[in-house]
Amino acid sequence: MAAPRTNKAEPAPETEAPAPRTKKAPVPATKAEAPAPPAKKASEPAPKVEGRLHVTQIRSVIGSKPKHRGTLRALGLGRIGQSNDLPDRPEIRGMLARVPHMITVSEAKTA
């Protein structure tokens, strides 16, 4: 029969020590394995000049969700009536789509 276990700390029975880990040698990278960067064409058109959006906050952030408040801060708005001109890019359009009830959007006038 086995002796009953107690809560006292007993030394663990001696077992064989685990084998030491060995490091694998790093594989050297050769130039043949690395992909070459894509070559640029000399006749590539210049990037398009993107439009601008004029965004104005029309409603307060009091009582709104924290994500909506953060979106307005990321758009550079914080108070009712505050405006900001932003580039017309998909990530900006996505932020504007999250808070349409709190802002007005129009095309920025070019000077």
N, C-alpha and C. Protein backbone atom coordinates (compact mmCIF):
# COMPACT_ATOMS: atom_id res chain seq x y z
N MET A 1 0.83 -1.18 0.00
CA MET A 1 0.00 0.00 0.00
C MET A 1 0.87 1.24 0.00
N ALA A 2 0.36 2.25 -0.63
CA ALA A 2 1.10 3.51 -0.70
C ALA A 2 0.81 4.33 0.54
N ALA A 3 1.79 5.09 0.94
CA ALA A 3 1.64 5.95 2.11
C ALA A 3 0.70 7.09 1.78
N PRO A 4 -0.13 7.51 2.71
CA PRO A 4 -1.04 8.63 2.43
C PRO A 4 -0.25 9.92 2.20
N ARG A 5 -0.76 10.75 1.32
CA ARG A 5 -0.12 12.03 1.01
C ARG A 5 -0.45 13.05 2.08
N THR A 6 0.51 13.90 2.36
CA THR A 6 0.30 14.98 3.33
C THR A 6 0.52 16.31 2.63
N ASN A 7 0.13 17.38 3.26
CA ASN A 7 0.30 18.70 2.68
C ASN A 7 1.71 19.25 2.88
N LYS A 8 2.52 18.53 3.64
CA LYS A 8 3.87 19.00 3.87
C LYS A 8 4.68 18.87 2.59
N ALA A 9 5.59 19.81 2.43
CA ALA A 9 6.44 19.80 1.24
C ALA A 9 7.42 18.66 1.36
N GLU A 10 7.38 17.78 0.41
CA GLU A 10 8.30 16.66 0.39
C GLU A 10 9.23 16.83 -0.80
N PRO A 11 10.46 16.42 -0.65
CA PRO A 11 11.35 16.53 -1.81
C PRO A 11 10.86 15.59 -2.91
N ALA A 12 10.95 16.07 -4.13
CA ALA A 12 10.50 15.30 -5.27
C ALA A 12 11.45 14.13 -5.47
N PRO A 13 10.94 13.02 -5.90
CA PRO A 13 11.83 11.88 -6.14
C PRO A 13 12.82 12.24 -7.25
N GLU A 14 14.03 11.76 -7.10
CA GLU A 14 15.06 12.10 -8.07
C GLU A 14 14.80 11.36 -9.37
N THR A 15 14.87 12.12 -10.44
CA THR A 15 14.71 11.55 -11.77
C THR A 15 15.89 11.97 -12.61
N GLU A 16 15.97 11.44 -13.78
CA GLU A 16 17.07 11.82 -14.66
C GLU A 16 16.88 13.26 -15.11
N ALA A 17 17.99 14.00 -15.19
CA ALA A 17 17.93 15.39 -15.65
C ALA A 17 17.63 15.40 -17.14
N PRO A 18 16.84 16.37 -17.58
CA PRO A 18 16.54 16.44 -19.01
C PRO A 18 17.79 16.75 -19.81
N ALA A 19 17.82 16.33 -21.03
CA ALA A 19 18.98 16.56 -21.90
C ALA A 19 19.08 18.07 -22.17
N PRO A 20 20.29 18.61 -22.19
CA PRO A 20 20.43 20.05 -22.46
C PRO A 20 20.01 20.35 -23.89
N ARG A 21 19.44 21.55 -24.07
CA ARG A 21 18.99 21.96 -25.39
C ARG A 21 20.19 22.36 -26.23
N THR A 22 20.10 22.08 -27.47
CA THR A 22 21.18 22.48 -28.37
C THR A 22 20.65 23.54 -29.32
N LYS A 23 21.50 24.51 -29.61
CA LYS A 23 21.10 25.57 -30.52
C LYS A 23 21.37 25.13 -31.94
N LYS A 24 20.45 25.44 -32.81
CA LYS A 24 20.65 25.15 -34.21
C LYS A 24 21.43 26.30 -34.83
N ALA A 25 22.30 25.99 -35.73
CA ALA A 25 23.09 27.03 -36.40
C ALA A 25 22.16 27.82 -37.31
N PRO A 26 22.30 29.15 -37.35
CA PRO A 26 21.44 29.95 -38.23
C PRO A 26 21.75 29.65 -39.68
N VAL A 27 20.71 29.66 -40.48
CA VAL A 27 20.86 29.39 -41.90
C VAL A 27 21.28 30.69 -42.58
N PRO A 28 22.42 30.72 -43.26
CA PRO A 28 22.84 31.96 -43.90
C PRO A 28 21.96 32.26 -45.10
N ALA A 29 21.59 33.51 -45.23
CA ALA A 29 20.77 33.94 -46.35
C ALA A 29 21.69 34.30 -47.51
N THR A 30 21.34 33.81 -48.66
CA THR A 30 22.14 34.13 -49.83
C THR A 30 21.38 35.11 -50.70
N LYS A 31 22.10 35.77 -51.57
CA LYS A 31 21.46 36.74 -52.44
C LYS A 31 20.51 36.08 -53.41
N ALA A 32 20.78 34.83 -53.76
CA ALA A 32 19.91 34.13 -54.70
C ALA A 32 18.54 33.85 -54.09
N GLU A 33 18.48 33.69 -52.75
CA GLU A 33 17.20 33.38 -52.10
C GLU A 33 16.34 34.61 -51.89
N ALA A 34 16.97 35.78 -51.69
CA ALA A 34 16.21 36.99 -51.42
C ALA A 34 15.56 37.50 -52.70
N PRO A 35 14.25 37.82 -52.66
CA PRO A 35 13.59 38.33 -53.86
C PRO A 35 14.06 39.75 -54.16
N ALA A 36 14.20 40.03 -55.41
CA ALA A 36 14.64 41.36 -55.83
C ALA A 36 13.47 42.33 -55.72
N PRO A 37 13.70 43.60 -55.33
CA PRO A 37 12.61 44.56 -55.26
C PRO A 37 12.10 44.86 -56.66
N PRO A 38 10.80 45.15 -56.80
CA PRO A 38 10.26 45.40 -58.13
C PRO A 38 10.88 46.68 -58.71
N ALA A 39 11.19 46.61 -60.00
CA ALA A 39 11.81 47.75 -60.66
C ALA A 39 10.73 48.78 -61.00
N LYS A 40 11.05 50.05 -60.80
CA LYS A 40 10.11 51.12 -61.13
C LYS A 40 10.26 51.51 -62.58
N LYS A 41 9.14 51.75 -63.19
CA LYS A 41 9.16 52.20 -64.58
C LYS A 41 9.42 53.70 -64.60
N ALA A 42 10.13 54.13 -65.59
CA ALA A 42 10.45 55.56 -65.71
C ALA A 42 9.21 56.35 -66.10
N SER A 43 8.25 55.69 -66.74
CA SER A 43 7.08 56.42 -67.24
C SER A 43 5.88 56.33 -66.29
N GLU A 44 6.09 55.97 -65.00
CA GLU A 44 4.97 55.89 -64.06
C GLU A 44 4.40 57.29 -63.83
N PRO A 45 3.07 57.40 -63.85
CA PRO A 45 2.48 58.73 -63.61
C PRO A 45 2.68 59.17 -62.17
N ALA A 46 2.71 60.46 -61.98
CA ALA A 46 2.83 61.01 -60.64
C ALA A 46 1.56 60.70 -59.87
N PRO A 47 1.64 60.54 -58.52
CA PRO A 47 0.43 60.25 -57.76
C PRO A 47 -0.59 61.37 -57.89
N LYS A 48 -1.86 60.97 -57.92
CA LYS A 48 -2.93 61.95 -58.05
C LYS A 48 -3.03 62.82 -56.81
N VAL A 49 -3.39 64.05 -57.02
CA VAL A 49 -3.63 64.95 -55.89
C VAL A 49 -5.02 64.62 -55.37
N GLU A 50 -5.10 64.24 -54.11
CA GLU A 50 -6.38 63.83 -53.55
C GLU A 50 -7.19 65.06 -53.14
N GLY A 51 -8.51 64.90 -53.14
CA GLY A 51 -9.38 65.98 -52.75
C GLY A 51 -9.36 66.22 -51.25
N ARG A 52 -10.03 67.26 -50.83
CA ARG A 52 -10.09 67.60 -49.42
C ARG A 52 -11.55 67.63 -49.00
N LEU A 53 -11.80 67.30 -47.74
CA LEU A 53 -13.14 67.33 -47.16
C LEU A 53 -13.14 68.33 -46.01
N HIS A 54 -14.19 69.12 -45.95
CA HIS A 54 -14.38 70.06 -44.84
C HIS A 54 -15.39 69.44 -43.89
N VAL A 55 -14.94 69.11 -42.67
CA VAL A 55 -15.77 68.40 -41.70
C VAL A 55 -16.03 69.34 -40.52
N THR A 56 -17.29 69.45 -40.11
CA THR A 56 -17.68 70.30 -38.98
C THR A 56 -18.49 69.47 -38.00
N GLN A 57 -18.18 69.61 -36.71
CA GLN A 57 -18.93 68.91 -35.67
C GLN A 57 -20.18 69.71 -35.36
N ILE A 58 -21.36 69.05 -35.35
CA ILE A 58 -22.63 69.75 -35.11
C ILE A 58 -23.34 69.28 -33.85
N ARG A 59 -22.88 68.14 -33.27
CA ARG A 59 -23.51 67.64 -32.05
C ARG A 59 -22.47 67.37 -31.00
N SER A 60 -22.89 67.43 -29.74
CA SER A 60 -21.99 67.23 -28.61
C SER A 60 -21.63 65.76 -28.44
N VAL A 61 -20.47 65.53 -27.81
CA VAL A 61 -20.05 64.15 -27.52
C VAL A 61 -20.60 63.67 -26.19
N ILE A 62 -21.28 64.53 -25.45
CA ILE A 62 -21.85 64.13 -24.17
C ILE A 62 -22.91 63.07 -24.42
N GLY A 63 -22.79 61.95 -23.74
CA GLY A 63 -23.74 60.86 -23.87
C GLY A 63 -23.47 59.95 -25.06
N SER A 64 -22.42 60.21 -25.80
CA SER A 64 -22.12 59.35 -26.95
C SER A 64 -21.20 58.22 -26.53
N LYS A 65 -21.07 57.24 -27.38
CA LYS A 65 -20.22 56.09 -27.09
C LYS A 65 -18.75 56.51 -27.09
N PRO A 66 -17.93 55.86 -26.29
CA PRO A 66 -16.51 56.20 -26.26
C PRO A 66 -15.83 56.05 -27.61
N LYS A 67 -16.23 55.10 -28.42
CA LYS A 67 -15.63 54.95 -29.74
C LYS A 67 -15.96 56.14 -30.64
N HIS A 68 -17.17 56.68 -30.49
CA HIS A 68 -17.55 57.85 -31.29
C HIS A 68 -16.72 59.05 -30.86
N ARG A 69 -16.51 59.20 -29.55
CA ARG A 69 -15.67 60.30 -29.07
C ARG A 69 -14.26 60.19 -29.61
N GLY A 70 -13.74 58.97 -29.59
CA GLY A 70 -12.39 58.76 -30.10
C GLY A 70 -12.28 59.03 -31.59
N THR A 71 -13.33 58.69 -32.33
CA THR A 71 -13.33 58.96 -33.77
C THR A 71 -13.32 60.45 -34.04
N LEU A 72 -14.11 61.20 -33.28
CA LEU A 72 -14.12 62.66 -33.47
C LEU A 72 -12.76 63.26 -33.13
N ARG A 73 -12.12 62.75 -32.08
CA ARG A 73 -10.78 63.26 -31.72
C ARG A 73 -9.79 62.94 -32.83
N ALA A 74 -9.90 61.75 -33.42
CA ALA A 74 -9.00 61.37 -34.51
C ALA A 74 -9.24 62.22 -35.76
N LEU A 75 -10.45 62.73 -35.91
CA LEU A 75 -10.76 63.62 -37.03
C LEU A 75 -10.34 65.05 -36.73
N GLY A 76 -9.85 65.31 -35.53
CA GLY A 76 -9.41 66.65 -35.17
C GLY A 76 -10.53 67.54 -34.68
N LEU A 77 -11.61 66.94 -34.18
CA LEU A 77 -12.76 67.70 -33.69
C LEU A 77 -12.91 67.46 -32.20
N GLY A 78 -13.53 68.41 -31.49
CA GLY A 78 -13.70 68.24 -30.06
C GLY A 78 -14.84 69.05 -29.50
N ARG A 79 -15.23 70.10 -30.21
CA ARG A 79 -16.31 70.96 -29.72
C ARG A 79 -17.30 71.21 -30.85
N ILE A 80 -18.52 71.55 -30.47
CA ILE A 80 -19.54 71.87 -31.45
C ILE A 80 -19.09 73.09 -32.23
N GLY A 81 -19.21 73.02 -33.54
CA GLY A 81 -18.83 74.14 -34.40
C GLY A 81 -17.38 74.08 -34.86
N GLN A 82 -16.58 73.19 -34.31
CA GLN A 82 -15.19 73.09 -34.71
C GLN A 82 -15.11 72.40 -36.07
N SER A 83 -14.21 72.88 -36.95
CA SER A 83 -14.07 72.33 -38.29
C SER A 83 -12.64 71.90 -38.55
N ASN A 84 -12.49 71.04 -39.55
CA ASN A 84 -11.18 70.57 -39.94
C ASN A 84 -11.23 70.17 -41.41
N ASP A 85 -10.18 70.47 -42.16
CA ASP A 85 -10.05 70.03 -43.54
C ASP A 85 -9.20 68.77 -43.55
N LEU A 86 -9.74 67.71 -44.13
CA LEU A 86 -9.07 66.41 -44.13
C LEU A 86 -8.93 65.90 -45.55
N PRO A 87 -7.91 65.05 -45.80
CA PRO A 87 -7.78 64.47 -47.14
C PRO A 87 -8.90 63.48 -47.41
N ASP A 88 -9.32 63.41 -48.66
CA ASP A 88 -10.39 62.50 -49.06
C ASP A 88 -9.78 61.14 -49.36
N ARG A 89 -9.68 60.31 -48.32
CA ARG A 89 -9.09 58.98 -48.43
C ARG A 89 -10.07 57.97 -47.84
N PRO A 90 -9.94 56.70 -48.20
CA PRO A 90 -10.89 55.69 -47.69
C PRO A 90 -10.91 55.58 -46.17
N GLU A 91 -9.74 55.70 -45.51
CA GLU A 91 -9.74 55.57 -44.05
C GLU A 91 -10.45 56.74 -43.39
N ILE A 92 -10.36 57.93 -43.98
CA ILE A 92 -11.08 59.09 -43.44
C ILE A 92 -12.58 58.92 -43.70
N ARG A 93 -12.92 58.45 -44.90
CA ARG A 93 -14.35 58.21 -45.22
C ARG A 93 -14.95 57.18 -44.26
N GLY A 94 -14.18 56.18 -43.87
CA GLY A 94 -14.67 55.17 -42.93
C GLY A 94 -14.94 55.77 -41.57
N MET A 95 -14.07 56.68 -41.12
CA MET A 95 -14.29 57.34 -39.82
C MET A 95 -15.52 58.24 -39.89
N LEU A 96 -15.70 58.92 -41.02
CA LEU A 96 -16.87 59.80 -41.17
C LEU A 96 -18.16 58.97 -41.17
N ALA A 97 -18.09 57.76 -41.70
CA ALA A 97 -19.28 56.91 -41.74
C ALA A 97 -19.68 56.43 -40.36
N ARG A 98 -18.76 56.45 -39.39
CA ARG A 98 -19.07 56.02 -38.02
C ARG A 98 -19.84 57.07 -37.23
N VAL A 99 -19.68 58.33 -37.58
CA VAL A 99 -20.32 59.41 -36.79
C VAL A 99 -21.09 60.40 -37.69
N PRO A 100 -21.90 59.92 -38.63
CA PRO A 100 -22.58 60.86 -39.53
C PRO A 100 -23.60 61.74 -38.83
N HIS A 101 -24.13 61.27 -37.69
CA HIS A 101 -25.14 62.02 -36.95
C HIS A 101 -24.54 63.17 -36.15
N MET A 102 -23.20 63.24 -36.07
CA MET A 102 -22.55 64.27 -35.25
C MET A 102 -21.77 65.28 -36.08
N ILE A 103 -21.72 65.09 -37.41
CA ILE A 103 -20.89 65.96 -38.25
C ILE A 103 -21.61 66.33 -39.53
N THR A 104 -21.10 67.35 -40.19
CA THR A 104 -21.49 67.67 -41.57
C THR A 104 -20.21 67.62 -42.40
N VAL A 105 -20.35 67.14 -43.62
CA VAL A 105 -19.20 66.99 -44.51
C VAL A 105 -19.49 67.72 -45.81
N SER A 106 -18.51 68.48 -46.29
CA SER A 106 -18.63 69.14 -47.59
C SER A 106 -17.26 69.16 -48.25
N GLU A 107 -17.24 69.44 -49.54
CA GLU A 107 -15.96 69.54 -50.25
C GLU A 107 -15.24 70.80 -49.79
N ALA A 108 -13.96 70.67 -49.52
CA ALA A 108 -13.17 71.83 -49.10
C ALA A 108 -12.94 72.73 -50.30
N LYS A 109 -13.00 74.03 -50.07
CA LYS A 109 -12.76 74.99 -51.14
C LYS A 109 -11.27 75.08 -51.38
N THR A 110 -10.88 75.02 -52.66
CA THR A 110 -9.46 75.12 -52.99
C THR A 110 -9.11 76.60 -53.15
N ALA A 111 -7.94 76.95 -52.66
CA ALA A 111 -7.53 78.36 -52.71
C ALA A 111 -6.70 78.64 -53.92
